[in-house]
Amino acid sequence: MATGISLIDTLLPSFAFDTVAVFNQDYEQLFRDARSIKAIVKEQAKVMEHPIETVAVITDHRIILPVEIELSLLLLSRSYQDTYKAIRFFLSKWYSLVIQLELEFMKIN
């Protein structure tokens, strides 16, 4: 007999805590029922090269490009439609969002 509640819906809130969170511009958390599976952070820069009089090419500066974050989320079945609509709304309006990530720091000697 199907009750509409899956095993994931039962266990996820008990074991979940937000190591990744999405906030609006007023720092109010969005998509509270979505749980992060994976976050890929892409930090890129463009190195600017140009020739000099001796025909050599030098690099004297770089431009840091915007940070891209690819976020994979698990949506609970009880709130799937509402959460998905909220995500689509913010994507379609190009709102600036704040992403909180729990990062591991490594000491480099």
Protein backbone atom coordinates (compact mmCIF):
# COMPACT_ATOMS: atom_id res chain seq x y z
CA MET A 1 0.00 0.00 0.00
CA ALA A 2 1.52 3.30 -1.11
CA THR A 3 1.34 6.12 1.42
CA GLY A 4 3.04 8.77 -0.69
CA ILE A 5 5.98 9.02 1.71
CA SER A 6 9.22 7.46 0.56
CA LEU A 7 12.08 6.12 2.65
CA ILE A 8 14.21 9.10 1.63
CA ASP A 9 11.50 11.53 2.78
CA THR A 10 11.43 9.78 6.15
CA LEU A 11 15.18 9.60 6.78
CA LEU A 12 16.51 12.73 5.09
CA PRO A 13 15.20 15.36 7.54
CA SER A 14 16.55 13.34 10.47
CA PHE A 15 20.09 13.09 9.14
CA ALA A 16 20.28 16.31 7.15
CA PHE A 17 21.96 19.54 8.06
CA ASP A 18 22.75 22.39 5.71
CA THR A 19 26.39 22.44 4.70
CA VAL A 20 25.26 24.15 1.51
CA ALA A 21 22.52 26.77 1.60
CA VAL A 22 21.07 29.23 -0.90
CA PHE A 23 20.04 32.71 0.27
CA ASN A 24 18.35 35.67 -1.38
CA GLN A 25 19.77 39.20 -1.26
CA ASP A 26 18.28 39.74 2.23
CA TYR A 27 20.04 36.58 3.49
CA GLU A 28 16.80 34.62 3.87
CA GLN A 29 17.35 30.93 3.14
CA LEU A 30 15.66 29.62 -0.02
CA PHE A 31 14.78 26.05 -1.02
CA ARG A 32 14.84 24.76 2.59
CA ASP A 33 13.48 21.34 1.60
CA ALA A 34 16.20 20.79 -1.02
CA ARG A 35 19.28 18.90 0.13
CA SER A 36 22.63 19.30 -1.56
CA ILE A 37 24.19 16.18 -3.03
CA LYS A 38 27.18 17.82 -4.64
CA ALA A 39 28.57 21.30 -5.21
CA ILE A 40 31.19 21.98 -7.87
CA VAL A 41 32.93 25.34 -7.59
CA LYS A 42 34.69 26.67 -10.69
CA GLU A 43 37.11 29.52 -10.13
CA GLN A 44 38.70 30.65 -13.37
CA ALA A 45 40.89 33.48 -14.59
CA LYS A 46 41.90 34.72 -18.02
CA VAL A 47 45.60 35.47 -18.53
CA MET A 48 46.18 38.49 -20.73
CA GLU A 49 49.09 38.21 -23.15
CA HIS A 50 50.41 40.81 -25.56
CA PRO A 51 53.47 41.22 -27.77
CA ILE A 52 56.26 43.67 -27.00
CA GLU A 53 58.75 45.37 -29.33
CA THR A 54 61.18 42.44 -29.26
CA VAL A 55 58.42 40.22 -30.71
CA ALA A 56 58.22 38.28 -27.45
CA VAL A 57 54.86 37.75 -25.81
CA ILE A 58 54.51 38.72 -22.18
CA THR A 59 51.83 38.17 -19.59
CA ASP A 60 51.45 41.05 -17.19
CA HIS A 61 48.00 40.62 -15.66
CA ARG A 62 44.98 38.38 -15.38
CA ILE A 63 41.27 38.90 -15.12
CA ILE A 64 39.43 36.86 -12.51
CA LEU A 65 36.19 35.57 -14.01
CA PRO A 66 32.94 35.17 -12.04
CA VAL A 67 32.81 32.11 -9.80
CA GLU A 68 30.45 29.43 -11.09
CA ILE A 69 28.78 26.95 -8.73
CA GLU A 70 27.04 23.85 -10.05
CA LEU A 71 24.67 22.58 -7.38
CA SER A 72 23.04 19.13 -7.46
CA LEU A 73 20.00 18.97 -5.18
CA LEU A 74 17.72 16.25 -3.87
CA LEU A 75 14.09 17.40 -3.67
CA LEU A 76 11.66 15.80 -1.24
CA SER A 77 8.55 14.32 -2.85
CA ARG A 78 6.17 16.14 -0.47
CA SER A 79 7.43 19.57 -1.57
CA TYR A 80 8.92 18.76 -4.98
CA GLN A 81 6.58 20.94 -7.05
CA ASP A 82 6.83 24.02 -4.82
CA THR A 83 10.63 23.79 -4.52
CA TYR A 84 11.06 23.24 -8.27
CA LYS A 85 8.81 26.21 -9.08
CA ALA A 86 10.81 28.41 -6.69
CA ILE A 87 14.11 27.35 -8.29
CA ARG A 88 12.74 28.03 -11.80
CA PHE A 89 11.42 31.43 -10.66
CA PHE A 90 14.80 32.59 -9.35
CA LEU A 91 16.60 31.27 -12.44
CA SER A 92 14.22 33.00 -14.84
CA LYS A 93 14.49 36.38 -13.09
CA TRP A 94 18.30 36.41 -12.86
CA TYR A 95 18.28 37.32 -9.16
CA SER A 96 21.60 37.50 -7.38
CA LEU A 97 21.80 34.67 -4.87
CA VAL A 98 24.26 33.95 -2.06
CA ILE A 99 25.59 30.41 -1.76
CA GLN A 100 26.98 29.22 1.56
CA LEU A 101 29.41 26.32 1.27
CA GLU A 102 31.17 24.42 4.00
CA LEU A 103 34.71 24.20 2.69
CA GLU A 104 37.60 22.17 3.93
CA PHE A 105 40.79 24.17 4.39
CA MET A 106 44.19 22.62 3.84
CA LYS A 107 47.47 23.97 5.12
CA ILE A 108 50.09 24.21 2.37
CA ASN A 109 53.70 24.41 3.51
